[in-house]
Structure formats: structure tokens, C-alpha cells
Amino acid sequence: PLWPKGAPGFESRRDIPEQAAEYWAKTINNPSVTVYLPPKDKATGAALIVLPGGGHRLLVIHPEGTDVAKVMNPMGVAVFVLKYRLFREEGSPYTIDHARQDATRAVRYVRSHAAEFGVDPAHIGLMGFSGGGEVVDLEVYQDASKDPHVDAIDAVSARPDFQVLIYPGPLGVPETIPSDTPPAFILAADDDECCSAPPVELLTKFRAAKVPVEFHLFQTGGHAFNMGFRTDKAAIKVWPDRLRDWMSDNGWLAKRP
């Protein structure tokens, strides 16, 4: 759990059971990270905090969460799958800003426990799929200074060192990209009716701000191709290799002394 007594202001809801089925989870009232650590002999110190998609109605927790760990752990990357609150779920008392608070707290939590997890506190990335990508944008660009302060973790920096946006949706895209924005890896398919425009818009803004960005737009692939396990597209099957290469080229996979 991200907070010892539950999410601030909603502590009374923390024991409401989550619902889950073959690939999804929902009814998230006690936000948490599930930790997947790489073998110690392969660990690089790099970490990805992963926000699955699901349209803010549910979390595609396995294809866009645990599958990330299956791919990235062998590359030496620690993976933290975030269960964040869902503002579009029927009967939800939350707003999308509560999801943003969960992502902010997750970065602070992982960074404050970096030594325990064998993570380099300067090599922490925030990764989001679809609606999870929208929450990443909100976490990166929205002010967190008015968030509830619960304990010492809330004094730790919530700025990710890099961001990974996989077919992100339109919510949270800022008017402009600040010059101190963390570098980004952005990937989508051109035939994605939902989420091909926001990545292109972000690319334009990153270039205008002269912030480092790597951008991949596949010809086909549609939406929600996850980690490429369930596609017949050759380029989509191996897209995680492009993420590995980008992280390597930027030094995040090089273990520091």
C-alpha cells in the first residue's frame, strides 16, 4: 500500500475488496504498487513504475502490468505495477486528480525505498499505457504542492527521471512542455482510432521545448497491443526492444558504482 492508513481523505474505504478477473482489476480503494525485481546478477538499478490502461474504468493489470515485468525484469529493470484509483468506474467517489496523487506518491515511495529495492534513485521512470499514460502526463505536469502531507515520504522528489508513454490518451497533455521536463519515449500505432493524435501532439511540443524525446509511430497495430505478446505484427512484437535500446542509450541500464 502507498499509504499506511489508506489514501488521504478516503481511509475508511481502504478495506473495500478489489475486484479482479482474468486480465483486469478494479474497485481500487487502497492504492498500491506490486513489486517485481530482476535477478540480482542482472539488476541495473533502473526502475519502471507502470500504470496500466483501462479507460479509468478498470486496470488492464496483466497485459499492461505483469507482462511488463516479464519483459523488463530479464533486462535488469525493476518493475512496480501501480494500482491507482479509477474515476470513471461506476459509483466511484474519485476524480482523475486522485489517480494523479497515486502516481505522485508511487514515485516518492519507490525513491524513498530505493536502497531496499536495489534501485538507483536517479534511474526511476514512469510508464503509462492509454489511460495510464494520461495519468503519467498529469503527474509530470501538474503541481503536487497541495497534495496531503502524511509522512516523510511526501517530502521526497516526485519527479521521474524519464517517462514512457505507450498509446497515451488526450487527458493531461499540457499546453506547452517545460524545458526541465523528463526525457520521453513515446510509442503508438497510426491506425489507433483512440490514441494516435495525442502522441503526435506531444512530439511536436517536446521538439518545440527542445526536450529529448524518442518517438515511434507504427503503420498498423491499433490500440492496446500491450507488450506485443498477442499480435501478428512483426514490428509490434518486438517494440519493447526499442524501449530497452532507448534506456540503454541514455545510460539508465548502466549500473552506477
Protein backbone atom coordinates (compact mmCIF):
# COMPACT_ATOMS: atom_id res chain seq x y z
CA PRO A 1 0.00 0.00 0.00
CA LEU A 2 1.17 3.53 -0.81
CA TRP A 3 -0.20 4.97 2.43
CA PRO A 4 -0.06 3.19 5.80
CA LYS A 5 -3.69 4.02 6.68
CA GLY A 6 -5.17 4.29 3.20
CA ALA A 7 -5.46 7.14 0.71
CA PRO A 8 -5.72 10.54 2.46
CA GLY A 9 -9.33 11.57 2.90
CA PHE A 10 -10.57 8.08 1.98
CA GLU A 11 -9.07 6.00 4.77
CA SER A 12 -12.47 4.45 5.56
CA ARG A 13 -12.52 2.83 2.11
CA ARG A 14 -9.18 1.05 2.26
CA ASP A 15 -10.63 -2.34 3.26
CA ILE A 16 -13.24 -2.46 0.49
CA PRO A 17 -12.23 -5.55 -1.54
CA GLU A 18 -10.80 -5.15 -5.02
CA GLN A 19 -12.43 -6.99 -7.90
CA ALA A 20 -10.33 -8.94 -10.40
CA ALA A 21 -10.73 -11.40 -13.25
CA GLU A 22 -8.52 -12.98 -15.90
CA TYR A 23 -6.79 -9.80 -17.09
CA TRP A 24 -8.23 -6.85 -15.15
CA ALA A 25 -8.62 -5.34 -11.70
CA LYS A 26 -10.92 -2.60 -10.44
CA THR A 27 -12.52 -1.14 -7.31
CA ILE A 28 -9.15 0.25 -6.22
CA ASN A 29 -9.63 1.92 -2.83
CA ASN A 30 -6.22 1.23 -1.27
CA PRO A 31 -3.70 2.28 -3.96
CA SER A 32 -0.60 0.10 -4.06
CA VAL A 33 2.45 -1.00 -6.00
CA THR A 34 3.20 -4.64 -6.72
CA VAL A 35 6.96 -5.16 -6.88
CA TYR A 36 8.74 -7.31 -9.47
CA LEU A 37 12.51 -7.29 -9.01
CA PRO A 38 15.04 -8.59 -11.56
CA PRO A 39 17.57 -11.27 -10.68
CA LYS A 40 20.30 -9.69 -8.59
CA ASP A 41 23.00 -10.68 -11.06
CA LYS A 42 21.16 -8.78 -13.82
CA ALA A 43 19.85 -5.80 -11.86
CA THR A 44 20.91 -2.46 -13.33
CA GLY A 45 19.28 -0.23 -10.74
CA ALA A 46 16.75 1.05 -13.29
CA ALA A 47 13.08 1.06 -12.32
CA LEU A 48 9.76 1.47 -14.12
CA ILE A 49 6.62 2.43 -12.24
CA VAL A 50 3.89 1.11 -14.55
CA LEU A 51 0.36 2.46 -14.88
CA PRO A 52 -1.88 0.05 -16.81
CA GLY A 53 -4.61 1.39 -19.05
CA GLY A 54 -8.30 0.60 -18.98
CA GLY A 55 -10.10 3.87 -19.64
CA HIS A 56 -10.19 4.71 -15.91
CA ARG A 57 -12.97 2.12 -15.52
CA LEU A 58 -10.65 -0.81 -14.79
CA LEU A 59 -6.95 -1.64 -14.94
CA VAL A 60 -5.63 -3.99 -17.63
CA ILE A 61 -3.42 -5.27 -14.87
CA HIS A 62 -1.81 -8.32 -16.52
CA PRO A 63 -1.26 -7.37 -20.22
CA GLU A 64 -0.14 -3.86 -19.23
CA GLY A 65 1.33 -4.61 -15.81
CA THR A 66 2.68 -8.04 -15.00
CA ASP A 67 3.64 -8.58 -18.66
CA VAL A 68 5.90 -5.52 -18.39
CA ALA A 69 7.77 -7.27 -15.60
CA LYS A 70 8.07 -10.46 -17.71
CA VAL A 71 9.84 -8.44 -20.39
CA MET A 72 11.80 -5.87 -18.40
CA ASN A 73 13.00 -7.96 -15.41
CA PRO A 74 15.31 -10.05 -17.64
CA MET A 75 16.74 -6.75 -18.91
CA GLY A 76 17.68 -5.85 -15.33
CA VAL A 77 14.81 -3.41 -14.74
CA ALA A 78 12.75 -3.42 -11.55
CA VAL A 79 9.02 -3.05 -12.23
CA PHE A 80 6.43 -1.57 -9.87
CA VAL A 81 2.85 -2.04 -11.10
CA LEU A 82 0.64 0.70 -9.72
CA LYS A 83 -2.99 0.12 -8.84
CA TYR A 84 -4.43 3.64 -9.00
CA ARG A 85 -7.93 4.91 -8.31
CA LEU A 86 -10.46 4.89 -11.15
CA PHE A 87 -12.62 7.95 -11.61
CA ARG A 88 -14.86 6.53 -14.37
CA GLU A 89 -15.78 3.31 -12.59
CA GLU A 90 -19.49 3.18 -11.76
CA GLY A 91 -20.12 4.69 -8.34
CA SER A 92 -16.56 5.98 -7.98
CA PRO A 93 -16.08 8.84 -5.49
CA TYR A 94 -12.76 9.78 -7.11
CA THR A 95 -11.54 12.30 -9.67
CA ILE A 96 -8.68 11.87 -12.09
CA ASP A 97 -6.60 14.02 -9.74
CA HIS A 98 -6.77 11.22 -7.18
CA ALA A 99 -5.16 8.94 -9.78
CA ARG A 100 -2.51 11.63 -10.27
CA GLN A 101 -1.93 11.70 -6.49
CA ASP A 102 -1.44 7.92 -6.56
CA ALA A 103 1.20 8.22 -9.28
CA THR A 104 2.93 11.04 -7.41
CA ARG A 105 3.01 9.03 -4.21
CA ALA A 106 4.27 5.97 -6.10
CA VAL A 107 7.32 7.85 -7.41
CA ARG A 108 8.05 9.16 -3.94
CA TYR A 109 7.50 5.72 -2.38
CA VAL A 110 9.86 3.91 -4.77
CA ARG A 111 12.51 6.62 -4.48
CA SER A 112 12.34 6.64 -0.68
CA HIS A 113 12.71 2.82 -0.63
CA ALA A 114 15.32 2.69 -3.39
CA ALA A 115 18.02 1.05 -1.28
CA GLU A 116 15.60 -1.64 -0.11
CA PHE A 117 14.63 -2.49 -3.70
CA GLY A 118 18.13 -2.19 -5.16
CA VAL A 119 17.01 0.76 -7.29
CA ASP A 120 19.06 3.79 -8.32
CA PRO A 121 17.02 6.81 -7.12
CA ALA A 122 18.20 8.71 -10.21
CA HIS A 123 17.03 6.00 -12.66
CA ILE A 124 13.28 5.87 -11.95
CA GLY A 125 10.88 6.05 -14.89
CA LEU A 126 7.11 6.46 -15.02
CA MET A 127 5.41 4.32 -17.68
CA GLY A 128 1.76 4.51 -18.72
CA PHE A 129 -0.46 2.75 -21.23
CA SER A 130 -3.51 4.53 -22.69
CA GLY A 131 -5.39 5.99 -19.69
CA GLY A 132 -2.33 5.24 -17.57
CA GLY A 133 -0.38 7.47 -19.95
CA GLU A 134 -2.84 10.26 -19.20
CA VAL A 135 -2.09 9.89 -15.50
CA VAL A 136 1.63 9.99 -16.26
CA ASP A 137 1.12 13.31 -18.06
CA LEU A 138 -0.81 14.68 -15.10
CA GLU A 139 1.88 13.52 -12.68
CA VAL A 140 4.64 15.11 -14.72
CA TYR A 141 2.97 18.45 -15.48
CA GLN A 142 0.54 19.14 -12.61
CA ASP A 143 1.58 20.84 -9.37
CA ALA A 144 1.61 18.44 -6.41
CA SER A 145 2.41 21.04 -3.74
CA LYS A 146 -1.14 20.98 -2.34
CA ASP A 147 -1.33 17.18 -2.03
CA PRO A 148 -1.96 15.90 1.51
CA HIS A 149 1.25 15.55 3.51
CA VAL A 150 1.10 12.31 5.51
CA ASP A 151 4.69 11.40 6.35
CA ALA A 152 8.33 11.90 5.39
CA ILE A 153 7.81 10.15 2.05
CA ASP A 154 5.82 13.18 0.90
CA ALA A 155 8.98 15.30 1.17
CA VAL A 156 10.81 13.13 -1.40
CA SER A 157 11.02 14.30 -5.01
CA ALA A 158 8.12 13.09 -7.18
CA ARG A 159 9.86 13.93 -10.46
CA PRO A 160 10.50 10.82 -12.56
CA ASP A 161 13.88 10.71 -14.28
CA PHE A 162 12.24 9.66 -17.55
CA GLN A 163 8.77 8.87 -18.87
CA VAL A 164 7.41 6.16 -21.16
CA LEU A 165 4.08 6.79 -22.90
CA ILE A 166 2.50 3.89 -24.78
CA TYR A 167 -0.52 4.99 -26.88
CA PRO A 168 -1.43 7.65 -24.28
CA GLY A 169 -4.85 9.30 -24.31
CA PRO A 170 -5.54 13.05 -24.60
CA LEU A 171 -6.13 13.92 -20.93
CA GLY A 172 -3.20 15.63 -19.24
CA VAL A 173 -1.45 16.84 -22.40
CA PRO A 174 -0.11 20.28 -21.40
CA GLU A 175 -0.33 23.49 -23.42
CA THR A 176 3.46 23.62 -23.51
CA ILE A 177 6.29 21.36 -22.39
CA PRO A 178 8.57 22.95 -19.76
CA SER A 179 12.27 22.87 -20.57
CA ASP A 180 13.02 20.77 -17.46
CA THR A 181 10.57 18.00 -18.42
CA PRO A 182 11.96 14.46 -18.04
CA PRO A 183 13.01 12.84 -21.36
CA ALA A 184 10.29 10.78 -23.01
CA PHE A 185 9.83 7.61 -25.03
CA ILE A 186 6.52 7.74 -26.92
CA LEU A 187 5.03 4.91 -28.98
CA ALA A 188 1.73 4.28 -30.77
CA ALA A 189 0.19 2.96 -34.00
CA ASP A 190 -1.04 5.25 -36.77
CA ASP A 191 -4.30 3.30 -37.15
CA ASP A 192 -5.19 3.72 -33.45
CA GLU A 193 -8.57 5.47 -33.64
CA CYS A 194 -8.39 6.32 -29.95
CA CYS A 195 -4.87 7.43 -29.28
CA SER A 196 -2.70 8.20 -32.31
CA ALA A 197 -3.22 12.00 -32.19
CA PRO A 198 -2.06 12.71 -28.60
CA PRO A 199 1.40 11.16 -29.15
CA VAL A 200 1.93 13.27 -32.29
CA GLU A 201 0.81 16.38 -30.39
CA LEU A 202 3.23 15.57 -27.59
CA LEU A 203 6.06 15.03 -30.06
CA THR A 204 5.54 18.49 -31.53
CA LYS A 205 5.59 20.07 -28.08
CA PHE A 206 8.70 18.15 -26.98
CA ARG A 207 10.54 19.30 -30.09
CA ALA A 208 9.45 22.91 -29.57
CA ALA A 209 10.77 22.76 -25.99
CA LYS A 210 13.98 21.03 -27.13
CA VAL A 211 13.43 18.28 -24.57
CA PRO A 212 14.89 14.87 -25.52
CA VAL A 213 12.26 12.57 -26.99
CA GLU A 214 12.21 9.29 -28.91
CA PHE A 215 9.08 8.65 -30.97
CA HIS A 216 7.79 5.53 -32.71
CA LEU A 217 4.62 5.54 -34.80
CA PHE A 218 3.90 2.13 -36.31
CA GLN A 219 1.89 1.89 -39.52
CA THR A 220 -0.57 -0.59 -38.03
CA GLY A 221 -1.26 -2.13 -34.67
CA GLY A 222 -4.43 -0.46 -33.45
CA HIS A 223 -4.96 0.29 -29.79
CA ALA A 224 -4.00 -1.75 -26.74
CA PHE A 225 -1.37 -4.01 -28.27
CA ASN A 226 0.17 -4.20 -24.80
CA MET A 227 3.70 -5.63 -24.74
CA GLY A 228 3.32 -7.27 -28.17
CA PHE A 229 2.52 -10.79 -26.95
CA ARG A 230 -0.81 -11.04 -28.77
CA THR A 231 -0.20 -9.59 -32.24
CA ASP A 232 0.75 -10.85 -35.67
CA LYS A 233 2.60 -7.61 -36.50
CA ALA A 234 6.34 -8.21 -36.62
CA ALA A 235 7.23 -4.65 -35.60
CA ILE A 236 4.78 -4.65 -32.69
CA LYS A 237 6.04 -7.98 -31.35
CA VAL A 238 9.49 -6.50 -30.70
CA TRP A 239 8.63 -2.96 -29.70
CA PRO A 240 9.93 -3.46 -26.12
CA ASP A 241 13.39 -3.89 -27.63
CA ARG A 242 13.17 -0.25 -28.77
CA LEU A 243 12.46 0.79 -25.17
CA ARG A 244 15.42 -1.24 -23.94
CA ASP A 245 17.67 0.39 -26.55
CA TRP A 246 16.48 3.88 -25.60
CA MET A 247 17.05 3.24 -21.91
CA SER A 248 20.49 1.83 -22.69
CA ASP A 249 21.45 4.75 -24.94
CA ASN A 250 20.56 7.17 -22.13
CA GLY A 251 22.57 5.30 -19.53
CA TRP A 252 19.69 4.11 -17.37
CA LEU A 253 20.67 0.47 -17.84
CA ALA A 254 24.28 1.11 -16.85
CA LYS A 255 24.68 0.24 -13.18
CA ARG A 256 26.47 3.04 -11.38
CA PRO A 257 29.31 2.26 -8.95
